[in-house]
N, C-alpha and C. Protein backbone atom coordinates (compact mmCIF):
# COMPACT_ATOMS: atom_id res chain seq x y z
N UNK A 1 3.17 -25.76 3.74
CA UNK A 1 2.85 -24.89 2.63
C UNK A 1 2.06 -23.68 3.14
N UNK A 2 2.53 -22.50 2.83
CA UNK A 2 1.88 -21.28 3.28
C UNK A 2 0.79 -20.84 2.31
N UNK A 3 -0.25 -20.24 2.87
CA UNK A 3 -1.30 -19.68 2.03
C UNK A 3 -0.83 -18.33 1.48
N UNK A 4 -1.58 -17.81 0.52
CA UNK A 4 -1.28 -16.49 -0.04
C UNK A 4 -1.32 -15.44 1.07
N UNK A 5 -2.31 -15.54 1.95
CA UNK A 5 -2.43 -14.57 3.04
C UNK A 5 -1.21 -14.64 3.96
N UNK A 6 -0.72 -15.82 4.24
CA UNK A 6 0.47 -15.96 5.08
C UNK A 6 1.70 -15.37 4.39
N UNK A 7 1.83 -15.61 3.10
CA UNK A 7 2.95 -15.03 2.35
C UNK A 7 2.88 -13.52 2.35
N UNK A 8 1.68 -13.00 2.09
CA UNK A 8 1.50 -11.56 2.10
C UNK A 8 1.80 -10.98 3.48
N UNK A 9 1.32 -11.64 4.52
CA UNK A 9 1.55 -11.16 5.88
C UNK A 9 3.05 -11.06 6.16
N UNK A 10 3.78 -12.08 5.80
CA UNK A 10 5.22 -12.08 6.03
C UNK A 10 5.92 -11.01 5.19
N UNK A 11 5.58 -10.93 3.91
CA UNK A 11 6.22 -9.97 3.02
C UNK A 11 5.88 -8.53 3.38
N UNK A 12 4.64 -8.29 3.77
CA UNK A 12 4.25 -6.93 4.18
C UNK A 12 4.96 -6.54 5.46
N UNK A 13 5.04 -7.48 6.40
CA UNK A 13 5.74 -7.19 7.65
C UNK A 13 7.19 -6.78 7.37
N UNK A 14 7.85 -7.52 6.50
CA UNK A 14 9.24 -7.20 6.16
C UNK A 14 9.33 -5.82 5.49
N UNK A 15 8.39 -5.52 4.61
CA UNK A 15 8.40 -4.22 3.92
C UNK A 15 8.19 -3.07 4.90
N UNK A 16 7.23 -3.23 5.80
CA UNK A 16 6.94 -2.17 6.78
C UNK A 16 8.11 -2.00 7.74
N UNK A 17 8.69 -3.10 8.20
CA UNK A 17 9.85 -3.01 9.10
C UNK A 17 11.04 -2.35 8.39
N UNK A 18 11.24 -2.67 7.13
CA UNK A 18 12.33 -2.07 6.35
C UNK A 18 12.09 -0.56 6.21
N UNK A 19 10.86 -0.18 5.89
CA UNK A 19 10.55 1.24 5.76
C UNK A 19 10.74 1.96 7.09
N UNK A 20 10.33 1.32 8.17
CA UNK A 20 10.49 1.90 9.50
C UNK A 20 11.97 2.10 9.83
N UNK A 21 12.78 1.12 9.52
CA UNK A 21 14.22 1.22 9.80
C UNK A 21 14.87 2.31 8.96
N UNK A 22 14.51 2.37 7.67
CA UNK A 22 15.11 3.36 6.77
C UNK A 22 14.68 4.79 7.11
N UNK A 23 13.54 4.93 7.79
CA UNK A 23 13.00 6.26 8.09
C UNK A 23 12.82 6.48 9.59
N UNK A 24 13.63 5.83 10.37
CA UNK A 24 13.46 5.87 11.83
C UNK A 24 13.57 7.29 12.39
N UNK A 25 14.28 8.16 11.72
CA UNK A 25 14.44 9.54 12.18
C UNK A 25 13.43 10.50 11.57
N UNK A 26 12.54 9.98 10.73
CA UNK A 26 11.60 10.84 10.00
C UNK A 26 10.16 10.45 10.33
N UNK A 27 9.65 10.98 11.44
CA UNK A 27 8.30 10.64 11.88
C UNK A 27 7.25 11.03 10.85
N UNK A 28 7.46 12.12 10.15
CA UNK A 28 6.50 12.56 9.13
C UNK A 28 6.36 11.49 8.04
N UNK A 29 7.48 10.97 7.57
CA UNK A 29 7.44 9.93 6.53
C UNK A 29 6.73 8.68 7.04
N UNK A 30 7.02 8.29 8.28
CA UNK A 30 6.37 7.12 8.85
C UNK A 30 4.86 7.33 8.97
N UNK A 31 4.47 8.53 9.39
CA UNK A 31 3.04 8.84 9.53
C UNK A 31 2.34 8.89 8.17
N UNK A 32 3.03 9.43 7.16
CA UNK A 32 2.43 9.49 5.82
C UNK A 32 2.25 8.08 5.25
N UNK A 33 3.27 7.28 5.36
CA UNK A 33 3.23 5.90 4.86
C UNK A 33 2.13 5.12 5.58
N UNK A 34 2.17 5.19 6.91
CA UNK A 34 1.19 4.46 7.71
C UNK A 34 -0.22 4.99 7.54
N UNK A 35 -0.35 6.30 7.48
CA UNK A 35 -1.67 6.90 7.32
C UNK A 35 -2.32 6.49 6.00
N UNK A 36 -1.54 6.47 4.95
CA UNK A 36 -2.10 6.05 3.67
C UNK A 36 -2.35 4.54 3.66
N UNK A 37 -1.52 3.78 4.35
CA UNK A 37 -1.78 2.34 4.45
C UNK A 37 -3.12 2.08 5.13
N UNK A 38 -3.49 2.92 6.08
CA UNK A 38 -4.79 2.78 6.74
C UNK A 38 -5.94 3.13 5.81
N UNK A 39 -5.73 4.13 4.97
CA UNK A 39 -6.83 4.65 4.14
C UNK A 39 -6.97 3.97 2.79
N UNK A 40 -5.91 3.39 2.29
CA UNK A 40 -5.93 2.86 0.93
C UNK A 40 -6.96 1.75 0.71
N UNK A 41 -7.15 0.82 1.63
CA UNK A 41 -8.18 -0.20 1.38
C UNK A 41 -9.57 0.41 1.18
N UNK A 42 -9.91 1.43 1.94
CA UNK A 42 -11.21 2.09 1.79
C UNK A 42 -11.28 2.80 0.44
N UNK A 43 -10.19 3.45 0.05
CA UNK A 43 -10.16 4.12 -1.25
C UNK A 43 -10.37 3.13 -2.40
N UNK A 44 -9.75 1.96 -2.29
CA UNK A 44 -9.92 0.94 -3.32
C UNK A 44 -11.38 0.49 -3.39
N UNK A 45 -11.98 0.28 -2.22
CA UNK A 45 -13.39 -0.15 -2.19
C UNK A 45 -14.32 0.92 -2.76
N UNK A 46 -14.07 2.16 -2.47
CA UNK A 46 -14.99 3.22 -2.88
C UNK A 46 -14.74 3.72 -4.30
N UNK A 47 -13.49 3.83 -4.71
CA UNK A 47 -13.19 4.43 -6.01
C UNK A 47 -12.72 3.42 -7.05
N UNK A 48 -12.28 2.27 -6.61
CA UNK A 48 -11.70 1.29 -7.52
C UNK A 48 -10.18 1.34 -7.44
N UNK A 49 -9.57 0.25 -7.85
CA UNK A 49 -8.12 0.12 -7.72
C UNK A 49 -7.36 1.17 -8.54
N UNK A 50 -7.71 1.31 -9.80
CA UNK A 50 -6.97 2.24 -10.66
C UNK A 50 -7.03 3.67 -10.13
N UNK A 51 -8.21 4.10 -9.72
CA UNK A 51 -8.36 5.46 -9.22
C UNK A 51 -7.63 5.65 -7.89
N UNK A 52 -7.72 4.66 -7.02
CA UNK A 52 -7.06 4.76 -5.72
C UNK A 52 -5.54 4.83 -5.87
N UNK A 53 -4.99 3.97 -6.72
CA UNK A 53 -3.55 3.99 -6.94
C UNK A 53 -3.10 5.29 -7.59
N UNK A 54 -3.89 5.79 -8.53
CA UNK A 54 -3.55 7.06 -9.18
C UNK A 54 -3.58 8.21 -8.17
N UNK A 55 -4.53 8.17 -7.25
CA UNK A 55 -4.60 9.19 -6.21
C UNK A 55 -3.34 9.18 -5.34
N UNK A 56 -2.93 7.99 -4.91
CA UNK A 56 -1.73 7.89 -4.08
C UNK A 56 -0.51 8.39 -4.85
N UNK A 57 -0.39 8.01 -6.10
CA UNK A 57 0.74 8.44 -6.93
C UNK A 57 0.73 9.97 -7.10
N UNK A 58 -0.45 10.54 -7.21
CA UNK A 58 -0.55 11.99 -7.42
C UNK A 58 -0.11 12.81 -6.22
N UNK A 59 -0.04 12.20 -5.05
CA UNK A 59 0.40 12.90 -3.85
C UNK A 59 1.85 13.35 -3.99
N UNK A 60 2.61 12.66 -4.84
CA UNK A 60 3.99 13.02 -5.16
C UNK A 60 4.85 13.18 -3.90
N UNK A 61 4.75 12.19 -3.04
CA UNK A 61 5.57 12.17 -1.81
C UNK A 61 6.32 10.85 -1.76
N UNK A 62 7.52 10.89 -1.25
CA UNK A 62 8.34 9.68 -1.23
C UNK A 62 7.70 8.56 -0.40
N UNK A 63 7.00 8.92 0.67
CA UNK A 63 6.34 7.89 1.49
C UNK A 63 5.25 7.19 0.70
N UNK A 64 4.52 7.94 -0.10
CA UNK A 64 3.44 7.36 -0.91
C UNK A 64 4.03 6.48 -2.01
N UNK A 65 5.11 6.95 -2.62
CA UNK A 65 5.78 6.15 -3.65
C UNK A 65 6.32 4.85 -3.05
N UNK A 66 6.86 4.93 -1.85
CA UNK A 66 7.39 3.74 -1.18
C UNK A 66 6.28 2.74 -0.90
N UNK A 67 5.12 3.23 -0.48
CA UNK A 67 3.99 2.34 -0.21
C UNK A 67 3.56 1.63 -1.49
N UNK A 68 3.48 2.37 -2.60
CA UNK A 68 3.11 1.75 -3.86
C UNK A 68 4.14 0.72 -4.32
N UNK A 69 5.42 1.05 -4.15
CA UNK A 69 6.48 0.10 -4.51
C UNK A 69 6.39 -1.16 -3.66
N UNK A 70 6.16 -0.98 -2.37
CA UNK A 70 6.04 -2.12 -1.47
C UNK A 70 4.83 -2.98 -1.82
N UNK A 71 3.71 -2.35 -2.12
CA UNK A 71 2.51 -3.09 -2.51
C UNK A 71 2.78 -3.89 -3.78
N UNK A 72 3.38 -3.25 -4.76
CA UNK A 72 3.69 -3.92 -6.02
C UNK A 72 4.58 -5.14 -5.78
N UNK A 73 5.61 -4.95 -4.97
CA UNK A 73 6.54 -6.05 -4.68
C UNK A 73 5.81 -7.21 -4.00
N UNK A 74 4.98 -6.91 -3.03
CA UNK A 74 4.29 -7.95 -2.27
C UNK A 74 3.37 -8.78 -3.16
N UNK A 75 2.66 -8.14 -4.08
CA UNK A 75 1.71 -8.89 -4.90
C UNK A 75 2.33 -9.44 -6.19
N UNK A 76 3.64 -9.25 -6.34
CA UNK A 76 4.36 -9.89 -7.44
C UNK A 76 4.45 -9.08 -8.72
N UNK A 77 4.29 -7.78 -8.62
CA UNK A 77 4.47 -6.92 -9.79
C UNK A 77 5.90 -6.40 -9.82
N UNK A 78 6.37 -6.00 -11.01
CA UNK A 78 7.75 -5.53 -11.17
C UNK A 78 8.04 -4.30 -10.32
N UNK A 79 7.12 -3.33 -10.38
CA UNK A 79 7.30 -2.08 -9.65
C UNK A 79 5.96 -1.34 -9.62
N UNK A 80 5.95 -0.19 -9.00
CA UNK A 80 4.70 0.57 -8.85
C UNK A 80 4.17 1.03 -10.21
N UNK A 81 5.04 1.45 -11.09
CA UNK A 81 4.59 1.89 -12.41
C UNK A 81 3.89 0.76 -13.15
N UNK A 82 4.44 -0.45 -13.06
CA UNK A 82 3.83 -1.61 -13.68
C UNK A 82 2.46 -1.90 -13.06
N UNK A 83 2.37 -1.77 -11.74
CA UNK A 83 1.10 -1.98 -11.04
C UNK A 83 0.06 -0.96 -11.49
N UNK A 84 0.45 0.30 -11.57
CA UNK A 84 -0.49 1.32 -12.03
C UNK A 84 -0.93 1.07 -13.47
N UNK A 85 0.00 0.70 -14.32
CA UNK A 85 -0.33 0.41 -15.72
C UNK A 85 -1.31 -0.76 -15.81
N UNK A 86 -1.04 -1.82 -15.08
CA UNK A 86 -1.94 -2.98 -15.10
C UNK A 86 -3.32 -2.61 -14.58
N UNK A 87 -3.37 -1.76 -13.56
CA UNK A 87 -4.67 -1.39 -13.01
C UNK A 87 -5.49 -0.57 -14.01
N UNK A 88 -4.82 0.11 -14.91
CA UNK A 88 -5.51 0.92 -15.92
C UNK A 88 -5.87 0.12 -17.16
N UNK A 89 -5.05 -0.85 -17.52
CA UNK A 89 -5.16 -1.46 -18.84
C UNK A 89 -5.61 -2.92 -18.85
N UNK A 90 -5.76 -3.54 -17.70
CA UNK A 90 -6.14 -4.95 -17.66
C UNK A 90 -7.58 -5.16 -18.09
N UNK A 91 -7.84 -6.33 -18.62
CA UNK A 91 -9.21 -6.74 -18.92
C UNK A 91 -9.93 -6.95 -17.60
N UNK A 92 -11.24 -6.96 -17.64
CA UNK A 92 -12.05 -7.00 -16.42
C UNK A 92 -11.66 -8.13 -15.47
N UNK A 93 -11.55 -9.34 -15.97
CA UNK A 93 -11.22 -10.47 -15.10
C UNK A 93 -9.86 -10.29 -14.43
N UNK A 94 -8.89 -9.81 -15.18
CA UNK A 94 -7.55 -9.57 -14.63
C UNK A 94 -7.57 -8.41 -13.62
N UNK A 95 -8.37 -7.39 -13.92
CA UNK A 95 -8.51 -6.24 -13.02
C UNK A 95 -9.12 -6.67 -11.68
N UNK A 96 -10.13 -7.51 -11.75
CA UNK A 96 -10.77 -8.00 -10.52
C UNK A 96 -9.77 -8.81 -9.69
N UNK A 97 -8.99 -9.66 -10.36
CA UNK A 97 -7.99 -10.46 -9.65
C UNK A 97 -6.90 -9.56 -9.05
N UNK A 98 -6.46 -8.57 -9.80
CA UNK A 98 -5.45 -7.63 -9.30
C UNK A 98 -5.99 -6.86 -8.09
N UNK A 99 -7.25 -6.47 -8.16
CA UNK A 99 -7.88 -5.77 -7.03
C UNK A 99 -7.94 -6.68 -5.81
N UNK A 100 -8.31 -7.93 -6.01
CA UNK A 100 -8.40 -8.87 -4.89
C UNK A 100 -7.03 -9.08 -4.24
N UNK A 101 -6.00 -9.26 -5.07
CA UNK A 101 -4.64 -9.42 -4.52
C UNK A 101 -4.22 -8.18 -3.75
N UNK A 102 -4.50 -7.02 -4.33
CA UNK A 102 -4.11 -5.76 -3.70
C UNK A 102 -4.82 -5.58 -2.36
N UNK A 103 -6.10 -5.84 -2.32
CA UNK A 103 -6.86 -5.69 -1.07
C UNK A 103 -6.39 -6.66 0.00
N UNK A 104 -6.05 -7.87 -0.41
CA UNK A 104 -5.53 -8.85 0.55
C UNK A 104 -4.23 -8.35 1.16
N UNK A 105 -3.34 -7.83 0.33
CA UNK A 105 -2.07 -7.29 0.84
C UNK A 105 -2.31 -6.04 1.67
N UNK A 106 -3.23 -5.18 1.22
CA UNK A 106 -3.49 -3.92 1.92
C UNK A 106 -4.07 -4.14 3.31
N UNK A 107 -4.77 -5.25 3.52
CA UNK A 107 -5.24 -5.59 4.87
C UNK A 107 -4.04 -5.68 5.82
N UNK A 108 -2.98 -6.31 5.34
CA UNK A 108 -1.78 -6.47 6.15
C UNK A 108 -1.03 -5.16 6.31
N UNK A 109 -0.97 -4.36 5.26
CA UNK A 109 -0.34 -3.04 5.40
C UNK A 109 -1.05 -2.23 6.48
N UNK A 110 -2.37 -2.29 6.48
CA UNK A 110 -3.15 -1.55 7.47
C UNK A 110 -2.85 -2.06 8.88
N UNK A 111 -2.85 -3.36 9.05
CA UNK A 111 -2.59 -3.93 10.38
C UNK A 111 -1.21 -3.57 10.89
N UNK A 112 -0.21 -3.67 10.00
CA UNK A 112 1.15 -3.38 10.44
C UNK A 112 1.40 -1.88 10.60
N UNK A 113 0.67 -1.05 9.88
CA UNK A 113 0.77 0.40 10.10
C UNK A 113 0.34 0.71 11.53
N UNK A 114 -0.69 0.01 11.99
CA UNK A 114 -1.18 0.23 13.35
C UNK A 114 -0.25 -0.39 14.38
N UNK A 115 0.17 -1.63 14.16
CA UNK A 115 0.94 -2.33 15.19
C UNK A 115 2.44 -2.05 15.16
N UNK A 116 3.02 -1.91 14.00
CA UNK A 116 4.47 -1.69 13.89
C UNK A 116 4.80 -0.20 13.90
N UNK A 117 4.09 0.57 13.09
CA UNK A 117 4.37 2.00 12.98
C UNK A 117 3.61 2.83 14.01
N UNK A 118 2.68 2.22 14.71
CA UNK A 118 1.85 2.90 15.73
C UNK A 118 1.11 4.10 15.16
N UNK A 119 0.61 3.96 13.95
CA UNK A 119 -0.16 5.02 13.31
C UNK A 119 -1.63 4.83 13.66
N UNK A 120 -2.24 5.91 14.09
CA UNK A 120 -3.67 5.88 14.40
C UNK A 120 -4.45 6.38 13.21
N UNK A 121 -5.70 5.99 13.11
CA UNK A 121 -6.51 6.36 11.95
C UNK A 121 -6.75 7.87 11.86
N UNK A 122 -6.52 8.60 12.94
CA UNK A 122 -6.73 10.05 12.90
C UNK A 122 -5.46 10.80 12.50
N UNK A 123 -4.31 10.09 12.37
CA UNK A 123 -3.07 10.76 11.97
C UNK A 123 -3.17 11.23 10.54
N UNK A 124 -2.50 12.35 10.24
CA UNK A 124 -2.50 12.91 8.89
C UNK A 124 -1.60 12.08 8.00
N UNK A 125 -2.10 11.79 6.81
CA UNK A 125 -1.31 11.03 5.84
C UNK A 125 -0.66 11.94 4.81
N UNK A 126 -0.88 13.23 4.94
CA UNK A 126 -0.27 14.17 4.02
C UNK A 126 -1.06 14.37 2.75
N UNK A 127 -2.24 13.78 2.65
CA UNK A 127 -3.00 13.88 1.41
C UNK A 127 -3.72 15.20 1.23
N UNK A 128 -3.78 16.01 2.25
CA UNK A 128 -4.48 17.28 2.14
C UNK A 128 -3.64 18.39 1.52
N UNK A 129 -2.35 18.16 1.37
CA UNK A 129 -1.51 19.20 0.78
C UNK A 129 -1.14 18.90 -0.64
């Protein structure tokens, strides 16, 4: 029987590898996806889940949208829009649980951004434009 962390690790790995394969010719997209994967856990800790997810969505880039879709899929939400809605409208206890699930998954996104996508923490994630 696998733990939640093991399931997330496996599912995140598959999502990151799939994104890498689909965008193998687009280094910018890989860097944006990986760069935000590195930064998102810190954003969640500092601003809260709803604000962090809204920030990523506001970037209006396909790599950012893909990261949100992948996160939603890994933690068992229908899609990114559903995840964003839940982060805004959930009661406190549900919001805390959603944040905990998201952070657990985001730990793996960060690790695989570094190891699979070879993204360094100093790479641009595209959030400045």
